[in-house]
Amino acid sequence: MLKIVALIILVIPGIIAGIGIKLMRDSIFGIVIDPFTYTALQFFAGLIMTALGIWFIGGYLLYRERKNKRAQERFMKQAKKSGED
């Protein structure tokens, strides 16, 4: 059950990123989708959707790798020293 939930958590941002790529492609070819009035607005909405989708998937994977101690040292969180602020 937990694997299905994890898969759904990753599929939804992937779909959002895919829709963002489609919006950017359509705006480059001059196809305006119904809720947008300008191709530039459509392109930036697609860019934001793509960036957020990729950011969420990347952050989720980095979290899982850190949790399982499989990430490289430069991506592991540094432990705070007790004497420093």
PDB file of N, CA and C in Angstrom:
ATOM      1  N   MET A   1       0.815  -1.193   0.000  1.00  0.00           N
ATOM      2  CA  MET A   1       0.000   0.000   0.000  1.00  0.00           C
ATOM      3  C   MET A   1       0.864   1.264   0.000  1.00  0.00           C
ATOM      4  N   LEU A   2       1.946   1.248   0.779  1.00  0.00           N
ATOM      5  CA  LEU A   2       2.808   2.428   0.837  1.00  0.00           C
ATOM      6  C   LEU A   2       3.514   2.680  -0.491  1.00  0.00           C
ATOM      7  N   LYS A   3       3.829   1.612  -1.221  1.00  0.00           N
ATOM      8  CA  LYS A   3       4.484   1.790  -2.517  1.00  0.00           C
ATOM      9  C   LYS A   3       3.532   2.421  -3.524  1.00  0.00           C
ATOM     10  N   ILE A   4       2.258   2.092  -3.425  1.00  0.00           N
ATOM     11  CA  ILE A   4       1.274   2.697  -4.319  1.00  0.00           C
ATOM     12  C   ILE A   4       1.130   4.186  -4.009  1.00  0.00           C
ATOM     13  N   VAL A   5       1.111   4.533  -2.741  1.00  0.00           N
ATOM     14  CA  VAL A   5       1.023   5.946  -2.348  1.00  0.00           C
ATOM     15  C   VAL A   5       2.263   6.704  -2.826  1.00  0.00           C
ATOM     16  N   ALA A   6       3.434   6.096  -2.672  1.00  0.00           N
ATOM     17  CA  ALA A   6       4.674   6.738  -3.136  1.00  0.00           C
ATOM     18  C   ALA A   6       4.653   6.922  -4.648  1.00  0.00           C
ATOM     19  N   LEU A   7       4.131   5.946  -5.359  1.00  0.00           N
ATOM     20  CA  LEU A   7       4.033   6.063  -6.812  1.00  0.00           C
ATOM     21  C   LEU A   7       3.090   7.190  -7.202  1.00  0.00           C
ATOM     22  N   ILE A   8       1.963   7.296  -6.527  1.00  0.00           N
ATOM     23  CA  ILE A   8       1.016   8.377  -6.821  1.00  0.00           C
ATOM     24  C   ILE A   8       1.626   9.737  -6.502  1.00  0.00           C
ATOM     25  N   ILE A   9       2.398   9.797  -5.420  1.00  0.00           N
ATOM     26  CA  ILE A   9       3.058  11.054  -5.057  1.00  0.00           C
ATOM     27  C   ILE A   9       4.028  11.493  -6.146  1.00  0.00           C
ATOM     28  N   LEU A  10       4.645  10.557  -6.831  1.00  0.00           N
ATOM     29  CA  LEU A  10       5.581  10.905  -7.894  1.00  0.00           C
ATOM     30  C   LEU A  10       4.893  11.091  -9.245  1.00  0.00           C
ATOM     31  N   VAL A  11       3.779  10.409  -9.467  1.00  0.00           N
ATOM     32  CA  VAL A  11       3.111  10.504 -10.768  1.00  0.00           C
ATOM     33  C   VAL A  11       2.417  11.848 -10.945  1.00  0.00           C
ATOM     34  N   ILE A  12       1.803  12.364  -9.909  1.00  0.00           N
ATOM     35  CA  ILE A  12       1.061  13.622 -10.035  1.00  0.00           C
ATOM     36  C   ILE A  12       1.975  14.787 -10.432  1.00  0.00           C
ATOM     37  N   PRO A  13       3.127  15.013  -9.778  1.00  0.00           N
ATOM     38  CA  PRO A  13       4.012  16.083 -10.259  1.00  0.00           C
ATOM     39  C   PRO A  13       4.585  15.796 -11.641  1.00  0.00           C
ATOM     40  N   GLY A  14       4.747  14.513 -11.981  1.00  0.00           N
ATOM     41  CA  GLY A  14       5.210  14.169 -13.323  1.00  0.00           C
ATOM     42  C   GLY A  14       4.194  14.558 -14.379  1.00  0.00           C
ATOM     43  N   ILE A  15       2.929  14.351 -14.086  1.00  0.00           N
ATOM     44  CA  ILE A  15       1.865  14.754 -15.011  1.00  0.00           C
ATOM     45  C   ILE A  15       1.817  16.273 -15.128  1.00  0.00           C
ATOM     46  N   ILE A  16       1.974  16.961 -14.015  1.00  0.00           N
ATOM     47  CA  ILE A  16       1.977  18.433 -14.035  1.00  0.00           C
ATOM     48  C   ILE A  16       3.144  18.946 -14.874  1.00  0.00           C
ATOM     49  N   ALA A  17       4.320  18.332 -14.724  1.00  0.00           N
ATOM     50  CA  ALA A  17       5.474  18.741 -15.525  1.00  0.00           C
ATOM     51  C   ALA A  17       5.231  18.452 -17.005  1.00  0.00           C
ATOM     52  N   GLY A  18       4.602  17.334 -17.306  1.00  0.00           N
ATOM     53  CA  GLY A  18       4.286  17.011 -18.697  1.00  0.00           C
ATOM     54  C   GLY A  18       3.310  18.000 -19.306  1.00  0.00           C
ATOM     55  N   ILE A  19       2.307  18.407 -18.545  1.00  0.00           N
ATOM     56  CA  ILE A  19       1.369  19.417 -19.034  1.00  0.00           C
ATOM     57  C   ILE A  19       2.090  20.742 -19.257  1.00  0.00           C
ATOM     58  N   GLY A  20       3.032  21.068 -18.362  1.00  0.00           N
ATOM     59  CA  GLY A  20       3.814  22.295 -18.533  1.00  0.00           C
ATOM     60  C   GLY A  20       4.641  22.271 -19.805  1.00  0.00           C
ATOM     61  N   ILE A  21       5.239  21.121 -20.117  1.00  0.00           N
ATOM     62  CA  ILE A  21       6.020  20.994 -21.357  1.00  0.00           C
ATOM     63  C   ILE A  21       5.100  21.156 -22.566  1.00  0.00           C
ATOM     64  N   LYS A  22       3.901  20.579 -22.496  1.00  0.00           N
ATOM     65  CA  LYS A  22       2.940  20.718 -23.592  1.00  0.00           C
ATOM     66  C   LYS A  22       2.521  22.173 -23.772  1.00  0.00           C
ATOM     67  N   LEU A  23       2.291  22.891 -22.668  1.00  0.00           N
ATOM     68  CA  LEU A  23       1.919  24.302 -22.773  1.00  0.00           C
ATOM     69  C   LEU A  23       3.035  25.126 -23.415  1.00  0.00           C
ATOM     70  N   MET A  24       4.287  24.848 -23.029  1.00  0.00           N
ATOM     71  CA  MET A  24       5.404  25.579 -23.622  1.00  0.00           C
ATOM     72  C   MET A  24       5.534  25.267 -25.113  1.00  0.00           C
ATOM     73  N   ARG A  25       5.371  23.992 -25.475  1.00  0.00           N
ATOM     74  CA  ARG A  25       5.462  23.605 -26.883  1.00  0.00           C
ATOM     75  C   ARG A  25       4.369  24.283 -27.695  1.00  0.00           C
ATOM     76  N   ASP A  26       3.136  24.270 -27.180  1.00  0.00           N
ATOM     77  CA  ASP A  26       2.032  24.892 -27.901  1.00  0.00           C
ATOM     78  C   ASP A  26       2.228  26.395 -28.052  1.00  0.00           C
ATOM     79  N   SER A  27       2.786  27.037 -27.052  1.00  0.00           N
ATOM     80  CA  SER A  27       2.996  28.484 -27.166  1.00  0.00           C
ATOM     81  C   SER A  27       4.095  28.809 -28.168  1.00  0.00           C
ATOM     82  N   ILE A  28       5.085  27.941 -28.304  1.00  0.00           N
ATOM     83  CA  ILE A  28       6.135  28.170 -29.308  1.00  0.00           C
ATOM     84  C   ILE A  28       5.545  28.074 -30.715  1.00  0.00           C
ATOM     85  N   PHE A  29       4.618  27.138 -30.923  1.00  0.00           N
ATOM     86  CA  PHE A  29       3.999  26.983 -32.233  1.00  0.00           C
ATOM     87  C   PHE A  29       2.783  27.883 -32.424  1.00  0.00           C
ATOM     88  N   GLY A  30       2.472  28.729 -31.450  1.00  0.00           N
ATOM     89  CA  GLY A  30       1.406  29.710 -31.590  1.00  0.00           C
ATOM     90  C   GLY A  30       0.011  29.178 -31.327  1.00  0.00           C
ATOM     91  N   ILE A  31      -0.100  28.051 -30.647  1.00  0.00           N
ATOM     92  CA  ILE A  31      -1.412  27.491 -30.315  1.00  0.00           C
ATOM     93  C   ILE A  31      -1.775  27.953 -28.914  1.00  0.00           C
ATOM     94  N   VAL A  32      -2.872  28.705 -28.805  1.00  0.00           N
ATOM     95  CA  VAL A  32      -3.296  29.220 -27.505  1.00  0.00           C
ATOM     96  C   VAL A  32      -4.365  28.288 -26.942  1.00  0.00           C
ATOM     97  N   ILE A  33      -4.117  27.784 -25.737  1.00  0.00           N
ATOM     98  CA  ILE A  33      -5.082  26.931 -25.053  1.00  0.00           C
ATOM     99  C   ILE A  33      -6.121  27.836 -24.386  1.00  0.00           C
ATOM    100  N   ASP A  34      -7.321  27.335 -24.190  1.00  0.00           N
ATOM    101  CA  ASP A  34      -8.483  28.143 -23.796  1.00  0.00           C
ATOM    102  C   ASP A  34      -8.309  29.053 -22.577  1.00  0.00           C
ATOM    103  N   PRO A  35      -7.778  28.621 -21.412  1.00  0.00           N
ATOM    104  CA  PRO A  35      -7.781  29.564 -20.285  1.00  0.00           C
ATOM    105  C   PRO A  35      -6.778  30.715 -20.434  1.00  0.00           C
ATOM    106  N   PHE A  36      -5.846  30.621 -21.371  1.00  0.00           N
ATOM    107  CA  PHE A  36      -4.834  31.665 -21.542  1.00  0.00           C
ATOM    108  C   PHE A  36      -5.208  32.560 -22.716  1.00  0.00           C
ATOM    109  N   THR A  37      -4.865  33.847 -22.602  1.00  0.00           N
ATOM    110  CA  THR A  37      -5.186  34.783 -23.678  1.00  0.00           C
ATOM    111  C   THR A  37      -3.970  35.117 -24.537  1.00  0.00           C
ATOM    112  N   TYR A  38      -2.778  34.977 -23.989  1.00  0.00           N
ATOM    113  CA  TYR A  38      -1.558  35.291 -24.719  1.00  0.00           C
ATOM    114  C   TYR A  38      -0.619  34.090 -24.691  1.00  0.00           C
ATOM    115  N   THR A  39       0.160  33.942 -25.752  1.00  0.00           N
ATOM    116  CA  THR A  39       1.095  32.814 -25.801  1.00  0.00           C
ATOM    117  C   THR A  39       2.214  32.992 -24.786  1.00  0.00           C
ATOM    118  N   ALA A  40       2.595  34.228 -24.507  1.00  0.00           N
ATOM    119  CA  ALA A  40       3.659  34.455 -23.528  1.00  0.00           C
ATOM    120  C   ALA A  40       3.206  34.036 -22.130  1.00  0.00           C
ATOM    121  N   LEU A  41       1.979  34.352 -21.786  1.00  0.00           N
ATOM    122  CA  LEU A  41       1.424  33.942 -20.490  1.00  0.00           C
ATOM    123  C   LEU A  41       1.345  32.420 -20.403  1.00  0.00           C
ATOM    124  N   GLN A  42       0.945  31.788 -21.491  1.00  0.00           N
ATOM    125  CA  GLN A  42       0.863  30.334 -21.543  1.00  0.00           C
ATOM    126  C   GLN A  42       2.248  29.715 -21.396  1.00  0.00           C
ATOM    127  N   PHE A  43       3.266  30.305 -22.038  1.00  0.00           N
ATOM    128  CA  PHE A  43       4.622  29.786 -21.949  1.00  0.00           C
ATOM    129  C   PHE A  43       5.147  29.866 -20.523  1.00  0.00           C
ATOM    130  N   PHE A  44       4.940  31.007 -19.858  1.00  0.00           N
ATOM    131  CA  PHE A  44       5.441  31.154 -18.489  1.00  0.00           C
ATOM    132  C   PHE A  44       4.690  30.254 -17.502  1.00  0.00           C
ATOM    133  N   ALA A  45       3.403  30.045 -17.725  1.00  0.00           N
ATOM    134  CA  ALA A  45       2.659  29.105 -16.882  1.00  0.00           C
ATOM    135  C   ALA A  45       3.203  27.695 -17.071  1.00  0.00           C
ATOM    136  N   GLY A  46       3.497  27.318 -18.300  1.00  0.00           N
ATOM    137  CA  GLY A  46       4.091  26.014 -18.572  1.00  0.00           C
ATOM    138  C   GLY A  46       5.475  25.879 -17.975  1.00  0.00           C
ATOM    139  N   LEU A  47       6.255  26.950 -18.037  1.00  0.00           N
ATOM    140  CA  LEU A  47       7.596  26.934 -17.455  1.00  0.00           C
ATOM    141  C   LEU A  47       7.532  26.742 -15.944  1.00  0.00           C
ATOM    142  N   ILE A  48       6.623  27.429 -15.302  1.00  0.00           N
ATOM    143  CA  ILE A  48       6.462  27.294 -13.843  1.00  0.00           C
ATOM    144  C   ILE A  48       5.993  25.889 -13.486  1.00  0.00           C
ATOM    145  N   MET A  49       5.037  25.356 -14.240  1.00  0.00           N
ATOM    146  CA  MET A  49       4.540  24.007 -13.966  1.00  0.00           C
ATOM    147  C   MET A  49       5.645  22.969 -14.142  1.00  0.00           C
ATOM    148  N   THR A  50       6.448  23.115 -15.190  1.00  0.00           N
ATOM    149  CA  THR A  50       7.544  22.180 -15.426  1.00  0.00           C
ATOM    150  C   THR A  50       8.581  22.268 -14.322  1.00  0.00           C
ATOM    151  N   ALA A  51       8.959  23.481 -13.964  1.00  0.00           N
ATOM    152  CA  ALA A  51       9.970  23.662 -12.924  1.00  0.00           C
ATOM    153  C   ALA A  51       9.499  23.108 -11.582  1.00  0.00           C
ATOM    154  N   LEU A  52       8.249  23.367 -11.222  1.00  0.00           N
ATOM    155  CA  LEU A  52       7.733  22.863  -9.948  1.00  0.00           C
ATOM    156  C   LEU A  52       7.629  21.341  -9.936  1.00  0.00           C
ATOM    157  N   GLY A  53       7.217  20.754 -11.040  1.00  0.00           N
ATOM    158  CA  GLY A  53       7.125  19.303 -11.117  1.00  0.00           C
ATOM    159  C   GLY A  53       8.480  18.627 -10.981  1.00  0.00           C
ATOM    160  N   ILE A  54       9.469  19.142 -11.708  1.00  0.00           N
ATOM    161  CA  ILE A  54      10.822  18.573 -11.642  1.00  0.00           C
ATOM    162  C   ILE A  54      11.430  18.823 -10.265  1.00  0.00           C
ATOM    163  N   TRP A  55      11.183  19.997  -9.685  1.00  0.00           N
ATOM    164  CA  TRP A  55      11.716  20.318  -8.359  1.00  0.00           C
ATOM    165  C   TRP A  55      11.153  19.370  -7.303  1.00  0.00           C
ATOM    166  N   PHE A  56       9.860  19.098  -7.368  1.00  0.00           N
ATOM    167  CA  PHE A  56       9.244  18.210  -6.389  1.00  0.00           C
ATOM    168  C   PHE A  56       9.783  16.788  -6.519  1.00  0.00           C
ATOM    169  N   ILE A  57       9.882  16.286  -7.738  1.00  0.00           N
ATOM    170  CA  ILE A  57      10.392  14.924  -7.945  1.00  0.00           C
ATOM    171  C   ILE A  57      11.844  14.828  -7.493  1.00  0.00           C
ATOM    172  N   GLY A  58      12.655  15.823  -7.835  1.00  0.00           N
ATOM    173  CA  GLY A  58      14.064  15.826  -7.420  1.00  0.00           C
ATOM    174  C   GLY A  58      14.215  15.899  -5.912  1.00  0.00           C
ATOM    175  N   GLY A  59      13.411  16.736  -5.264  1.00  0.00           N
ATOM    176  CA  GLY A  59      13.465  16.843  -3.809  1.00  0.00           C
ATOM    177  C   GLY A  59      13.024  15.565  -3.123  1.00  0.00           C
ATOM    178  N   TYR A  60      12.002  14.919  -3.673  1.00  0.00           N
ATOM    179  CA  TYR A  60      11.528  13.653  -3.102  1.00  0.00           C
ATOM    180  C   TYR A  60      12.602  12.567  -3.222  1.00  0.00           C
ATOM    181  N   LEU A  61      13.226  12.489  -4.392  1.00  0.00           N
ATOM    182  CA  LEU A  61      14.276  11.484  -4.574  1.00  0.00           C
ATOM    183  C   LEU A  61      15.487  11.768  -3.688  1.00  0.00           C
ATOM    184  N   LEU A  62      15.858  13.042  -3.545  1.00  0.00           N
ATOM    185  CA  LEU A  62      16.982  13.380  -2.677  1.00  0.00           C
ATOM    186  C   LEU A  62      16.670  13.033  -1.230  1.00  0.00           C
ATOM    187  N   TYR A  63      15.436  13.286  -0.793  1.00  0.00           N
ATOM    188  CA  TYR A  63      15.026  12.938   0.565  1.00  0.00           C
ATOM    189  C   TYR A  63      15.143  11.436   0.790  1.00  0.00           C
ATOM    190  N   ARG A  64      14.681  10.644  -0.173  1.00  0.00           N
ATOM    191  CA  ARG A  64      14.743   9.182  -0.034  1.00  0.00           C
ATOM    192  C   ARG A  64      16.192   8.687  -0.015  1.00  0.00           C
ATOM    193  N   GLU A  65      17.045   9.283  -0.833  1.00  0.00           N
ATOM    194  CA  GLU A  65      18.447   8.868  -0.876  1.00  0.00           C
ATOM    195  C   GLU A  65      19.161   9.238   0.421  1.00  0.00           C
ATOM    196  N   ARG A  66      18.864  10.422   0.970  1.00  0.00           N
ATOM    197  CA  ARG A  66      19.465  10.803   2.252  1.00  0.00           C
ATOM    198  C   ARG A  66      18.998   9.872   3.364  1.00  0.00           C
ATOM    199  N   LYS A  67      17.723   9.526   3.342  1.00  0.00           N
ATOM    200  CA  LYS A  67      17.154   8.665   4.369  1.00  0.00           C
ATOM    201  C   LYS A  67      17.811   7.285   4.343  1.00  0.00           C
ATOM    202  N   ASN A  68      18.099   6.771   3.165  1.00  0.00           N
ATOM    203  CA  ASN A  68      18.718   5.452   3.019  1.00  0.00           C
ATOM    204  C   ASN A  68      20.244   5.519   2.994  1.00  0.00           C
ATOM    205  N   LYS A  69      20.802   6.714   3.191  1.00  0.00           N
ATOM    206  CA  LYS A  69      22.247   6.954   3.221  1.00  0.00           C
ATOM    207  C   LYS A  69      22.928   6.483   1.938  1.00  0.00           C
ATOM    208  N   ARG A  70      22.287   6.756   0.804  1.00  0.00           N
ATOM    209  CA  ARG A  70      22.850   6.401  -0.487  1.00  0.00           C
ATOM    210  C   ARG A  70      23.266   7.626  -1.298  1.00  0.00           C
ATOM    211  N   ALA A  71      23.010   8.827  -0.772  1.00  0.00           N
ATOM    212  CA  ALA A  71      23.381  10.039  -1.485  1.00  0.00           C
ATOM    213  C   ALA A  71      24.871  10.309  -1.314  1.00  0.00           C
ATOM    214  N   GLN A  72      25.429  11.067  -2.247  1.00  0.00           N
ATOM    215  CA  GLN A  72      26.836  11.433  -2.139  1.00  0.00           C
ATOM    216  C   GLN A  72      27.039  12.337  -0.934  1.00  0.00           C
ATOM    217  N   GLU A  73      28.278  12.435  -0.480  1.00  0.00           N
ATOM    218  CA  GLU A  73      28.580  13.224   0.718  1.00  0.00           C
ATOM    219  C   GLU A  73      28.193  14.687   0.561  1.00  0.00           C
ATOM    220  N   ARG A  74      28.370  15.238  -0.621  1.00  0.00           N
ATOM    221  CA  ARG A  74      28.056  16.661  -0.797  1.00  0.00           C
ATOM    222  C   ARG A  74      26.563  16.943  -0.690  1.00  0.00           C
ATOM    223  N   PHE A  75      25.709  15.923  -0.848  1.00  0.00           N
ATOM    224  CA  PHE A  75      24.272  16.099  -0.719  1.00  0.00           C
ATOM    225  C   PHE A  75      23.745  15.723   0.652  1.00  0.00           C
ATOM    226  N   MET A  76      24.576  15.159   1.496  1.00  0.00           N
ATOM    227  CA  MET A  76      24.149  14.800   2.853  1.00  0.00           C
ATOM    228  C   MET A  76      24.128  16.058   3.710  1.00  0.00           C
ATOM    229  N   LYS A  77      23.186  16.139   4.628  1.00  0.00           N
ATOM    230  CA  LYS A  77      23.101  17.306   5.498  1.00  0.00           C
ATOM    231  C   LYS A  77      24.261  17.275   6.491  1.00  0.00           C
ATOM    232  N   GLN A  78      24.807  18.457   6.730  1.00  0.00           N
ATOM    233  CA  GLN A  78      25.894  18.580   7.693  1.00  0.00           C
ATOM    234  C   GLN A  78      25.316  18.664   9.103  1.00  0.00           C
ATOM    235  N   ALA A  79      25.904  17.936  10.026  1.00  0.00           N
ATOM    236  CA  ALA A  79      25.458  17.992  11.434  1.00  0.00           C
ATOM    237  C   ALA A  79      25.948  19.283  12.049  1.00  0.00           C
ATOM    238  N   LYS A  80      25.075  19.954  12.809  1.00  0.00           N
ATOM    239  CA  LYS A  80      25.467  21.196  13.463  1.00  0.00           C
ATOM    240  C   LYS A  80      26.350  20.888  14.657  1.00  0.00           C
ATOM    241  N   LYS A  81      27.375  21.702  14.823  1.00  0.00           N
ATOM    242  CA  LYS A  81      28.232  21.562  15.988  1.00  0.00           C
ATOM    243  C   LYS A  81      27.577  22.252  17.176  1.00  0.00           C
ATOM    244  N   SER A  82      27.707  21.689  18.354  1.00  0.00           N
ATOM    245  CA  SER A  82      26.997  22.209  19.524  1.00  0.00           C
ATOM    246  C   SER A  82      27.527  23.563  19.984  1.00  0.00           C
ATOM    247  N   GLY A  83      28.780  23.896  19.707  1.00  0.00           N
ATOM    248  CA  GLY A  83      29.363  25.141  20.195  1.00  0.00           C
ATOM    249  C   GLY A  83      29.133  26.322  19.304  1.00  0.00           C
ATOM    250  N   GLU A  84      28.631  26.117  18.083  1.00  0.00           N
ATOM    251  CA  GLU A  84      28.463  27.213  17.131  1.00  0.00           C
ATOM    252  C   GLU A  84      27.004  27.595  17.015  1.00  0.00           C
ATOM    253  N   ASP A  85      26.783  28.874  16.602  1.00  0.00           N
ATOM    254  CA  ASP A  85      25.410  29.361  16.388  1.00  0.00           C
ATOM    255  C   ASP A  85      25.028  29.202  14.961  1.00  0.00           C
TER     256      ASP A  85
END
